[in-house]
Amino acid sequence: MENDVSRMENEATPDLEVAAASSPPAWGAREWIFLFSALLAAGCYFFAHFPGILERNGHLPGVGLTLTQWLLAGVSLAAARKKGKLRGKSAAGGWLLLVIALALGLCYSVFADDAMRLMNLPVVWLTTALSLFSLTGLNPLPVLEGRGLRLGLRRFLPAFFTRWALPLKALKKIPRPAKSEKLRGLGAGLFLGLPVVLLATGLLASADQMFSSLLTSGFNSLDRIDGDLLLRLLYTLAGGLCLFSFLSAGTGNPFTPEGSKERRLSPVILSTVLAMLALVYALFVYVQFRYLFFRSEEAIREIGYAEYARSGFFQLVLLAILTLMLILPCLSLGKNSAAVRLLCAFVAALTLVIDYSAFFRMRLYIQAYGLSVLRVVTLWGMLMILCALIACLVKCAFPSARICPALTVLALCTWTALNYGNVDRLIARYQVSSYNQGVLMELDASYLVSLSPDVLPELERIEDGISRGRALEKARVTFSERAPRPYDWSLCWLKTNSPQAE
């Protein structure tokens, strides 16, 4: 398999669109299963959930999304196996991605935090699509490596549209009865007579008030037609066709990989850019050591605790991400230059200090105002930046090391672990503990109960009886008003029926 992949990578063929779009398969039982599954998934969403979060006290999808993901993945894998395209050990990365994707999809049936559900959506759909592309042979490259990831990501959106019109084309091929002369005459008569009838009706309505009233009542009865039902049917059709296209793409020919022409850039250019950046970073690191790490109390007194803890944090995180986006291409383009690798290592080391500076500021902010979903996710993001910078240092020392698969697996596995760590309960535990210890002067119960019923066990731990009673009463009222639909249901909502929530 590795020889086949190497041969495909060495072929300097032009990058093409999805090959499946150019040679649609014959319509058969497999296509009917695809169409039924796609329409079922889209119909359940638009009839059982839509518009969901847009409504008052609405939610993002829950168990319905889990079932939809499992349905589409199962149908796709079964079709690939039936056609002999399902890959085994040669697509180990695809199987790993599929396990991670299904585990993340299961979170929608277990937990109910809408913020985490929203952030999980692109991860769930991308990992599911990339794993299926790999397992069905659509992406012949190793999916966890850089080239395989790029190829899969570039084909993610086209897969939803390249075959959406296939059912409509199949309808055109259905044999139709020959048109008789009477039918043609009837059609022509209706076409020509319609303007005459409309003109005559208008004149008669203006001439007789009773006739006009009869027509008016008839037109008013049209308002009884359920417009929302028609809209949901239209959305179901459009969404079903897109999902059908995604499923049908797995039966097409493999994506054509890009040519493997090796790219190089002058080491002098790369070294100059890196050296200039290193000088600026070195000056910033000097300021951090002098005024932040060792004299933070003085800075706090001058600009205020909250402003000091919050100022510059997001800029530093963004800068660290942009630095990674610069270092990684430089290591690829100038991996044979010792000077480029040395400067990349120096910039990565300075960026480590910048990342720690951002963490230092976030830690001060959390100590003052507690945790939130965004702050927890931000801490995870800084951890991933730290791991990526360390991987860059390894790449500088060992140019042949492949860091992309390790970083991809690490990021996805830690993100999945973060979800199963029950973020809402973690936040509530931190807030309640800080309140009980007197670190937080006031407990923001409104924010906690806005998360999900996962916070209920932690609210029981509030030591002050009055505060505990108020928090539990607020939770009971809030959760009774925000009860989800069956499509948006998750396991954590069972806690609302426990004695603690009464």
Protein backbone atom coordinates (compact mmCIF):
# COMPACT_ATOMS: atom_id res chain seq x y z
CA MET A 1 0.00 0.00 0.00
CA GLU A 2 2.85 2.37 0.88
CA ASN A 3 4.37 1.77 -2.57
CA ASP A 4 1.03 2.55 -4.21
CA VAL A 5 0.71 5.76 -2.22
CA SER A 6 4.25 6.78 -3.08
CA ARG A 7 3.60 6.10 -6.75
CA MET A 8 0.45 8.25 -6.68
CA GLU A 9 2.28 11.04 -4.87
CA ASN A 10 5.06 11.04 -7.47
CA GLU A 11 2.67 11.34 -10.38
CA ALA A 12 2.61 14.99 -11.41
CA THR A 13 -1.04 14.92 -12.39
CA PRO A 14 -3.13 18.06 -12.21
CA ASP A 15 -5.51 18.45 -9.31
CA LEU A 16 -9.03 17.59 -10.43
CA GLU A 17 -12.49 18.02 -9.00
CA VAL A 18 -14.16 15.05 -7.40
CA ALA A 19 -13.95 12.33 -10.00
CA ALA A 20 -17.31 10.96 -8.98
CA ALA A 21 -19.07 14.00 -10.40
CA SER A 22 -17.90 13.23 -13.95
CA SER A 23 -19.10 9.62 -14.02
CA PRO A 24 -22.37 9.21 -12.12
CA PRO A 25 -23.24 5.57 -11.34
CA ALA A 26 -26.30 3.81 -12.61
CA TRP A 27 -29.30 4.23 -10.37
CA GLY A 28 -29.87 1.12 -8.31
CA ALA A 29 -30.79 -0.24 -4.89
CA ARG A 30 -27.77 1.40 -3.27
CA GLU A 31 -28.83 4.83 -4.49
CA TRP A 32 -32.35 4.27 -3.18
CA ILE A 33 -30.93 3.42 0.25
CA PHE A 34 -28.76 6.53 0.12
CA LEU A 35 -31.72 8.72 -0.82
CA PHE A 36 -34.02 7.24 1.84
CA SER A 37 -31.36 7.58 4.56
CA ALA A 38 -30.55 11.16 3.56
CA LEU A 39 -34.20 12.25 3.46
CA LEU A 40 -34.84 10.50 6.79
CA ALA A 41 -31.94 12.31 8.45
CA ALA A 42 -32.89 15.70 6.98
CA GLY A 43 -36.59 15.20 7.74
CA CYS A 44 -35.94 14.31 11.39
CA TYR A 45 -33.87 17.46 11.77
CA PHE A 46 -36.20 19.93 10.10
CA PHE A 47 -39.39 18.47 11.59
CA ALA A 48 -38.17 17.51 15.08
CA HIS A 49 -35.68 20.31 15.76
CA PHE A 50 -35.68 23.18 13.27
CA PRO A 51 -35.29 26.10 13.99
CA GLY A 52 -34.14 24.94 17.45
CA ILE A 53 -31.62 27.39 18.90
CA LEU A 54 -33.34 30.30 17.15
CA GLU A 55 -36.44 29.80 19.25
CA ARG A 56 -36.88 31.10 22.78
CA ASN A 57 -35.26 28.62 25.19
CA GLY A 58 -34.18 26.55 22.18
CA HIS A 59 -31.31 24.07 22.10
CA LEU A 60 -28.80 22.73 19.64
CA PRO A 61 -29.35 19.13 18.43
CA GLY A 62 -28.86 16.34 20.96
CA VAL A 63 -29.52 12.63 20.59
CA GLY A 64 -30.93 13.28 17.12
CA LEU A 65 -27.53 14.37 15.83
CA THR A 66 -25.89 11.27 17.32
CA LEU A 67 -28.36 8.99 15.54
CA THR A 68 -27.96 10.95 12.29
CA GLN A 69 -24.18 10.64 12.40
CA TRP A 70 -24.30 6.91 13.14
CA LEU A 71 -26.89 6.34 10.42
CA LEU A 72 -24.88 8.11 7.72
CA ALA A 73 -21.61 6.49 8.78
CA GLY A 74 -23.17 3.02 8.90
CA VAL A 75 -24.82 3.37 5.50
CA SER A 76 -21.60 4.68 3.92
CA LEU A 77 -19.44 1.88 5.36
CA ALA A 78 -21.98 -0.82 4.46
CA ALA A 79 -22.14 0.43 0.86
CA ALA A 80 -18.35 0.53 0.60
CA ARG A 81 -18.09 -3.02 1.95
CA LYS A 82 -20.78 -4.23 -0.45
CA LYS A 83 -18.82 -2.76 -3.34
CA GLY A 84 -15.49 -4.10 -2.07
CA LYS A 85 -14.03 -0.66 -1.38
CA LEU A 86 -13.87 -0.77 2.41
CA ARG A 87 -10.26 -0.52 3.52
CA GLY A 88 -8.80 -2.36 6.50
CA LYS A 89 -5.38 -2.05 8.13
CA SER A 90 -4.16 0.18 5.31
CA ALA A 91 -6.51 2.90 6.61
CA ALA A 92 -5.69 2.67 10.33
CA GLY A 93 -5.77 6.46 10.58
CA GLY A 94 -9.28 6.49 9.11
CA TRP A 95 -10.52 3.96 11.66
CA LEU A 96 -8.98 6.01 14.48
CA LEU A 97 -10.66 9.16 13.18
CA LEU A 98 -13.98 7.33 12.94
CA VAL A 99 -13.77 6.19 16.58
CA ILE A 100 -13.03 9.77 17.67
CA ALA A 101 -15.84 11.16 15.52
CA LEU A 102 -18.39 8.68 16.90
CA ALA A 103 -17.24 9.39 20.46
CA LEU A 104 -17.72 13.13 19.90
CA GLY A 105 -21.10 12.49 18.33
CA LEU A 106 -22.11 10.50 21.40
CA CYS A 107 -21.46 13.61 23.53
CA TYR A 108 -24.63 15.12 22.07
CA SER A 109 -26.62 12.33 23.73
CA VAL A 110 -24.83 12.62 27.08
CA PHE A 111 -24.18 16.31 27.76
CA ALA A 112 -26.29 19.38 26.99
CA ASP A 113 -24.09 22.47 27.01
CA ASP A 114 -25.03 24.37 23.84
CA ALA A 115 -21.69 26.19 23.68
CA MET A 116 -19.76 22.89 23.59
CA ARG A 117 -22.30 21.43 21.14
CA LEU A 118 -21.75 24.38 18.82
CA MET A 119 -17.96 24.09 18.97
CA ASN A 120 -18.19 20.34 18.41
CA LEU A 121 -20.26 20.62 15.22
CA PRO A 122 -17.41 21.36 12.77
CA VAL A 123 -15.13 18.86 14.52
CA VAL A 124 -17.76 16.10 14.37
CA TRP A 125 -18.61 16.62 10.71
CA LEU A 126 -15.01 17.07 9.56
CA THR A 127 -13.67 14.04 11.41
CA THR A 128 -16.61 11.93 10.23
CA ALA A 129 -16.13 12.99 6.61
CA LEU A 130 -12.34 12.57 6.66
CA SER A 131 -12.60 9.12 8.21
CA LEU A 132 -15.20 7.97 5.68
CA PHE A 133 -13.17 9.39 2.78
CA SER A 134 -10.23 7.29 3.99
CA LEU A 135 -12.14 4.09 4.78
CA THR A 136 -14.09 4.03 1.50
CA GLY A 137 -10.93 4.58 -0.56
CA LEU A 138 -11.99 8.03 -1.70
CA ASN A 139 -8.82 9.54 -0.20
CA PRO A 140 -5.90 7.21 -1.02
CA LEU A 141 -3.36 9.19 1.01
CA PRO A 142 -2.66 8.65 4.75
CA VAL A 143 -5.42 10.74 6.31
CA LEU A 144 -3.43 11.86 9.38
CA GLU A 145 -0.48 13.21 7.41
CA GLY A 146 -0.34 16.71 6.01
CA ARG A 147 -1.11 15.84 2.38
CA GLY A 148 -3.94 13.49 3.31
CA LEU A 149 -5.52 16.08 5.62
CA ARG A 150 -5.28 18.82 3.00
CA LEU A 151 -6.80 16.62 0.30
CA GLY A 152 -9.66 15.55 2.55
CA LEU A 153 -10.41 19.08 3.74
CA ARG A 154 -10.42 20.42 0.19
CA ARG A 155 -12.98 17.77 -0.82
CA PHE A 156 -15.21 18.11 2.25
CA LEU A 157 -17.62 20.78 0.95
CA PRO A 158 -17.69 19.60 -2.72
CA ALA A 159 -18.82 16.15 -1.56
CA PHE A 160 -22.15 17.67 -0.47
CA PHE A 161 -22.92 19.21 -3.87
CA THR A 162 -21.26 17.22 -6.69
CA ARG A 163 -24.02 14.57 -6.79
CA TRP A 164 -27.03 16.36 -5.34
CA ALA A 165 -28.79 16.47 -8.72
CA LEU A 166 -28.37 12.74 -9.38
CA PRO A 167 -31.91 11.80 -8.17
CA LEU A 168 -33.37 14.52 -10.39
CA LYS A 169 -31.45 13.17 -13.38
CA ALA A 170 -32.69 9.68 -12.57
CA LEU A 171 -36.29 10.93 -12.68
CA LYS A 172 -35.76 12.20 -16.21
CA LYS A 173 -34.81 8.71 -17.36
CA ILE A 174 -38.08 7.17 -16.18
CA PRO A 175 -40.09 6.11 -19.27
CA ARG A 176 -43.09 8.30 -19.89
CA PRO A 177 -46.23 7.46 -21.86
CA ALA A 178 -46.46 8.95 -25.32
CA LYS A 179 -48.41 12.19 -25.43
CA SER A 180 -51.65 11.93 -27.35
CA GLU A 181 -53.12 14.67 -29.50
CA LYS A 182 -55.92 15.21 -26.95
CA LEU A 183 -53.47 15.83 -24.10
CA ARG A 184 -51.49 18.27 -26.22
CA GLY A 185 -54.70 20.09 -27.11
CA LEU A 186 -55.77 20.22 -23.48
CA GLY A 187 -52.46 21.73 -22.45
CA ALA A 188 -52.55 24.33 -25.19
CA GLY A 189 -56.17 25.21 -24.34
CA LEU A 190 -55.34 25.72 -20.65
CA PHE A 191 -52.37 27.89 -21.55
CA LEU A 192 -54.33 30.09 -23.94
CA GLY A 193 -57.54 30.22 -21.90
CA LEU A 194 -55.99 31.23 -18.58
CA PRO A 195 -55.46 34.95 -19.48
CA VAL A 196 -59.00 35.16 -20.85
CA VAL A 197 -60.50 33.63 -17.71
CA LEU A 198 -58.50 35.94 -15.44
CA LEU A 199 -59.65 39.02 -17.37
CA ALA A 200 -63.28 37.90 -17.35
CA THR A 201 -63.16 37.09 -13.61
CA GLY A 202 -61.81 40.55 -12.84
CA LEU A 203 -64.56 42.26 -14.81
CA LEU A 204 -67.29 40.13 -13.23
CA ALA A 205 -65.96 40.76 -9.72
CA SER A 206 -66.04 44.50 -10.30
CA ALA A 207 -69.58 44.25 -11.65
CA ASP A 208 -71.17 42.23 -8.82
CA GLN A 209 -70.37 42.69 -5.13
CA MET A 210 -71.64 39.25 -4.07
CA PHE A 211 -69.46 37.54 -6.68
CA SER A 212 -66.50 39.59 -5.50
CA SER A 213 -67.17 38.56 -1.88
CA LEU A 214 -67.28 34.90 -2.91
CA LEU A 215 -63.91 35.20 -4.64
CA THR A 216 -62.42 37.05 -1.68
CA SER A 217 -63.47 34.34 0.78
CA GLY A 218 -62.00 31.71 -1.53
CA PHE A 219 -58.64 33.46 -1.66
CA ASN A 220 -58.66 33.95 2.11
CA SER A 221 -59.04 30.20 2.60
CA LEU A 222 -55.63 29.79 0.99
CA ASP A 223 -54.13 31.37 4.10
CA ARG A 224 -55.03 28.21 6.00
CA ILE A 225 -52.32 26.34 4.16
CA ASP A 226 -49.50 25.66 6.62
CA GLY A 227 -46.62 27.68 5.25
CA ASP A 228 -44.29 26.34 7.94
CA LEU A 229 -45.00 22.79 6.76
CA LEU A 230 -44.15 23.71 3.17
CA LEU A 231 -40.93 25.39 4.32
CA ARG A 232 -39.87 22.33 6.31
CA LEU A 233 -40.59 20.09 3.33
CA LEU A 234 -38.49 22.34 1.10
CA TYR A 235 -35.60 22.33 3.59
CA THR A 236 -35.90 18.56 3.96
CA LEU A 237 -35.62 18.10 0.21
CA ALA A 238 -32.61 20.41 -0.09
CA GLY A 239 -30.84 18.94 2.95
CA GLY A 240 -31.64 15.41 1.89
CA LEU A 241 -30.14 15.96 -1.56
CA CYS A 242 -26.93 17.34 -0.02
CA LEU A 243 -26.65 14.36 2.35
CA PHE A 244 -27.38 12.02 -0.56
CA SER A 245 -24.51 13.63 -2.47
CA PHE A 246 -22.21 13.07 0.51
CA LEU A 247 -23.16 9.39 0.78
CA SER A 248 -22.99 8.82 -2.96
CA ALA A 249 -19.53 10.41 -3.15
CA GLY A 250 -18.14 7.35 -1.35
CA THR A 251 -19.03 5.16 -4.36
CA GLY A 252 -17.01 7.30 -6.76
CA ASN A 253 -13.43 7.10 -7.91
CA PRO A 254 -10.61 8.15 -5.55
CA PHE A 255 -9.60 11.79 -5.40
CA THR A 256 -6.65 12.55 -7.62
CA PRO A 257 -3.73 13.52 -5.36
CA GLU A 258 -1.68 16.56 -6.13
CA GLY A 259 1.65 16.26 -7.82
CA SER A 260 4.52 15.83 -5.39
CA LYS A 261 6.71 18.57 -6.78
CA GLU A 262 8.99 19.58 -3.94
CA ARG A 263 8.91 23.29 -3.15
CA ARG A 264 11.87 25.26 -1.94
CA LEU A 265 12.51 28.86 -0.97
CA SER A 266 15.82 30.62 -0.55
CA PRO A 267 17.21 30.00 2.97
CA VAL A 268 18.39 33.62 2.99
CA ILE A 269 14.81 34.90 2.67
CA LEU A 270 13.52 32.57 5.35
CA SER A 271 16.41 33.36 7.70
CA THR A 272 15.89 37.10 7.29
CA VAL A 273 12.18 36.90 8.12
CA LEU A 274 12.79 34.64 11.11
CA ALA A 275 15.65 36.79 12.44
CA MET A 276 13.57 39.96 12.29
CA LEU A 277 10.72 38.24 14.09
CA ALA A 278 13.10 36.81 16.69
CA LEU A 279 14.40 40.30 17.57
CA VAL A 280 10.88 41.59 18.26
CA TYR A 281 9.98 38.51 20.27
CA ALA A 282 13.19 38.73 22.30
CA LEU A 283 12.39 42.32 23.27
CA PHE A 284 8.85 41.34 24.27
CA VAL A 285 10.13 38.41 26.34
CA TYR A 286 12.55 40.74 28.13
CA VAL A 287 9.65 43.03 29.09
CA GLN A 288 7.61 40.04 30.31
CA PHE A 289 10.37 38.85 32.62
CA ARG A 290 11.03 42.34 33.95
CA TYR A 291 7.48 43.62 34.48
CA LEU A 292 5.10 40.62 34.43
CA PHE A 293 6.60 37.52 35.96
CA PHE A 294 8.55 39.20 38.77
CA ARG A 295 6.78 42.57 39.28
CA SER A 296 3.13 41.81 38.51
CA GLU A 297 1.91 43.45 41.74
CA GLU A 298 3.24 46.81 40.61
CA ALA A 299 1.52 46.52 37.22
CA ILE A 300 -1.72 45.48 38.90
CA ARG A 301 -1.71 48.56 41.10
CA GLU A 302 -1.14 50.84 38.10
CA ILE A 303 -3.77 49.58 35.64
CA GLY A 304 -6.17 47.55 37.80
CA TYR A 305 -6.50 43.83 38.43
CA ALA A 306 -9.16 42.95 35.89
CA GLU A 307 -7.73 45.08 33.11
CA TYR A 308 -4.24 43.78 33.73
CA ALA A 309 -5.33 40.15 33.74
CA ARG A 310 -7.40 40.59 30.58
CA SER A 311 -5.23 43.00 28.59
CA GLY A 312 -3.32 41.48 25.71
CA PHE A 313 -4.39 37.90 26.34
CA PHE A 314 -6.22 37.22 23.08
CA GLN A 315 -3.59 39.11 21.10
CA LEU A 316 -0.87 36.86 22.51
CA VAL A 317 -2.81 33.69 21.76
CA LEU A 318 -3.45 34.87 18.19
CA LEU A 319 0.21 35.78 17.82
CA ALA A 320 1.27 32.31 18.96
CA ILE A 321 -1.06 30.72 16.38
CA LEU A 322 0.27 32.96 13.60
CA THR A 323 3.82 32.11 14.63
CA LEU A 324 3.07 28.41 14.27
CA MET A 325 1.64 29.12 10.82
CA LEU A 326 4.99 30.72 9.94
CA ILE A 327 7.34 28.21 11.56
CA LEU A 328 5.78 25.07 10.10
CA PRO A 329 6.04 26.18 6.42
CA CYS A 330 9.59 27.44 7.05
CA LEU A 331 10.56 24.04 8.41
CA SER A 332 9.08 22.42 5.32
CA LEU A 333 10.58 24.84 2.78
CA GLY A 334 13.99 25.18 4.42
CA LYS A 335 14.46 21.88 6.19
CA ASN A 336 17.89 21.38 4.59
CA SER A 337 19.21 24.69 6.01
CA ALA A 338 20.73 24.49 9.48
CA ALA A 339 20.37 28.27 9.88
CA VAL A 340 16.62 28.15 9.15
CA ARG A 341 16.09 25.29 11.60
CA LEU A 342 18.09 27.10 14.28
CA LEU A 343 16.11 30.31 13.86
CA CYS A 344 12.84 28.37 13.87
CA ALA A 345 13.87 26.75 17.13
CA PHE A 346 14.78 30.15 18.62
CA VAL A 347 11.45 31.71 17.56
CA ALA A 348 9.56 28.66 18.89
CA ALA A 349 11.36 28.95 22.23
CA LEU A 350 10.48 32.65 22.48
CA THR A 351 6.89 31.85 21.55
CA LEU A 352 6.79 29.38 24.43
CA VAL A 353 7.45 32.30 26.77
CA ILE A 354 4.72 34.32 25.02
CA ASP A 355 2.30 31.42 25.44
CA TYR A 356 3.17 31.24 29.13
CA SER A 357 2.57 34.99 29.40
CA ALA A 358 -0.94 34.50 27.99
CA PHE A 359 -1.53 31.65 30.44
CA PHE A 360 -0.25 33.81 33.32
CA ARG A 361 -2.77 36.53 32.48
CA MET A 362 -5.64 34.06 32.07
CA ARG A 363 -4.79 32.47 35.42
CA LEU A 364 -5.09 35.85 37.14
CA TYR A 365 -8.42 36.48 35.43
CA ILE A 366 -9.78 33.08 36.47
CA GLN A 367 -8.69 33.66 40.06
CA ALA A 368 -10.68 36.89 40.10
CA TYR A 369 -13.82 35.89 38.15
CA GLY A 370 -13.89 32.10 38.02
CA LEU A 371 -14.20 29.67 35.15
CA SER A 372 -16.48 29.75 32.11
CA VAL A 373 -16.87 27.52 29.06
CA LEU A 374 -14.86 29.92 26.90
CA ARG A 375 -12.05 30.10 29.48
CA VAL A 376 -11.85 26.32 29.78
CA VAL A 377 -11.66 25.95 26.00
CA THR A 378 -9.04 28.71 25.89
CA LEU A 379 -6.89 26.84 28.41
CA TRP A 380 -7.14 23.75 26.21
CA GLY A 381 -6.14 25.84 23.20
CA MET A 382 -3.05 27.15 24.98
CA LEU A 383 -2.10 23.59 25.90
CA MET A 384 -2.34 22.61 22.23
CA ILE A 385 -0.19 25.60 21.24
CA LEU A 386 2.38 24.47 23.79
CA CYS A 387 2.40 20.94 22.35
CA ALA A 388 2.69 22.28 18.80
CA LEU A 389 5.65 24.48 19.75
CA ILE A 390 7.39 21.54 21.41
CA ALA A 391 6.74 19.49 18.25
CA CYS A 392 8.33 22.28 16.21
CA LEU A 393 11.43 22.10 18.39
CA VAL A 394 11.56 18.34 17.78
CA LYS A 395 11.17 18.96 14.05
CA CYS A 396 14.05 21.45 14.17
CA ALA A 397 16.31 18.87 15.79
CA PHE A 398 15.10 15.95 13.65
CA PRO A 399 13.99 17.24 10.21
CA SER A 400 12.70 13.82 9.12
CA ALA A 401 10.28 13.55 12.07
CA ARG A 402 6.59 13.54 11.11
CA ILE A 403 4.80 15.70 13.66
CA CYS A 404 1.47 16.21 11.86
CA PRO A 405 -0.06 12.78 12.69
CA ALA A 406 0.97 13.03 16.34
CA LEU A 407 -0.39 16.58 16.72
CA THR A 408 -3.66 15.72 14.97
CA VAL A 409 -4.29 12.66 17.14
CA LEU A 410 -3.27 14.54 20.29
CA ALA A 411 -5.57 17.48 19.54
CA LEU A 412 -8.58 15.28 18.73
CA CYS A 413 -8.06 12.91 21.68
CA THR A 414 -7.62 15.73 24.21
CA TRP A 415 -10.65 17.57 22.80
CA THR A 416 -12.71 14.39 23.18
CA ALA A 417 -11.40 13.93 26.72
CA LEU A 418 -12.34 17.54 27.49
CA ASN A 419 -15.90 16.86 26.38
CA TYR A 420 -16.19 13.74 28.49
CA GLY A 421 -14.67 15.60 31.43
CA ASN A 422 -18.08 17.30 31.77
CA VAL A 423 -17.11 20.95 31.32
CA ASP A 424 -20.26 22.33 32.97
CA ARG A 425 -19.80 20.31 36.14
CA LEU A 426 -16.11 21.25 36.24
CA ILE A 427 -17.02 24.93 36.05
CA ALA A 428 -19.70 24.60 38.74
CA ARG A 429 -17.32 22.68 41.01
CA TYR A 430 -14.68 25.40 40.71
CA GLN A 431 -17.16 28.22 41.26
CA VAL A 432 -18.83 26.59 44.29
CA SER A 433 -15.49 25.65 45.88
CA SER A 434 -14.19 29.20 45.44
CA TYR A 435 -17.42 30.57 46.93
CA ASN A 436 -17.27 28.21 49.91
CA GLN A 437 -13.65 29.20 50.57
CA GLY A 438 -14.43 32.91 50.38
CA VAL A 439 -12.37 33.49 47.22
CA LEU A 440 -15.49 34.54 45.32
CA MET A 441 -17.63 37.00 47.24
CA GLU A 442 -20.74 36.24 45.17
CA LEU A 443 -21.83 33.09 43.34
CA ASP A 444 -23.28 33.72 39.87
CA ALA A 445 -26.03 31.11 40.06
CA SER A 446 -27.75 32.55 36.97
CA TYR A 447 -24.72 31.74 34.83
CA LEU A 448 -24.35 28.24 36.26
CA VAL A 449 -27.96 27.21 35.65
CA SER A 450 -27.74 28.65 32.13
CA LEU A 451 -25.23 25.90 31.28
CA SER A 452 -27.01 22.55 31.74
CA PRO A 453 -28.44 20.23 34.43
CA ASP A 454 -24.91 18.85 34.91
CA VAL A 455 -24.38 21.62 37.49
CA LEU A 456 -27.06 20.30 39.85
CA PRO A 457 -24.81 17.99 41.94
CA GLU A 458 -22.39 20.87 42.51
CA LEU A 459 -25.12 23.30 43.56
CA GLU A 460 -25.94 20.86 46.36
CA ARG A 461 -22.42 21.46 47.71
CA ILE A 462 -23.03 25.14 48.50
CA GLU A 463 -22.44 25.44 52.22
CA ASP A 464 -24.60 28.50 52.81
CA GLY A 465 -28.16 27.22 53.15
CA ILE A 466 -29.85 30.35 51.85
CA SER A 467 -27.62 30.56 48.77
CA ARG A 468 -28.05 26.84 48.14
CA GLY A 469 -31.84 27.09 48.33
CA ARG A 470 -31.96 30.06 45.97
CA ALA A 471 -29.63 28.38 43.47
CA LEU A 472 -31.62 25.12 43.45
CA GLU A 473 -34.91 26.99 43.10
CA LYS A 474 -33.52 28.99 40.17
CA ALA A 475 -32.30 25.75 38.61
CA ARG A 476 -35.71 24.10 39.03
CA VAL A 477 -37.52 27.01 37.37
CA THR A 478 -34.96 27.44 34.59
CA PHE A 479 -34.71 23.77 33.65
CA SER A 480 -38.48 23.28 33.69
CA GLU A 481 -38.82 26.18 31.23
CA ARG A 482 -35.95 24.97 29.01
CA ALA A 483 -36.97 21.32 28.69
CA PRO A 484 -35.71 20.15 25.29
CA ARG A 485 -37.55 18.45 22.47
CA PRO A 486 -36.94 14.72 21.96
CA TYR A 487 -34.49 15.48 19.13
CA ASP A 488 -32.46 17.74 21.43
CA TRP A 489 -32.64 15.45 24.45
CA SER A 490 -29.52 14.25 26.28
CA LEU A 491 -28.80 12.04 29.25
CA CYS A 492 -27.97 14.92 31.58
CA TRP A 493 -31.58 16.17 31.41
CA LEU A 494 -32.59 13.14 33.51
CA LYS A 495 -31.08 15.03 36.45
CA THR A 496 -33.95 17.49 36.31
CA ASN A 497 -36.23 14.72 37.56
CA SER A 498 -34.04 13.94 40.55
CA PRO A 499 -35.04 15.00 44.08
CA GLN A 500 -32.24 17.58 44.04
CA ALA A 501 -34.02 19.54 41.34
CA GLU A 502 -37.44 19.48 42.99
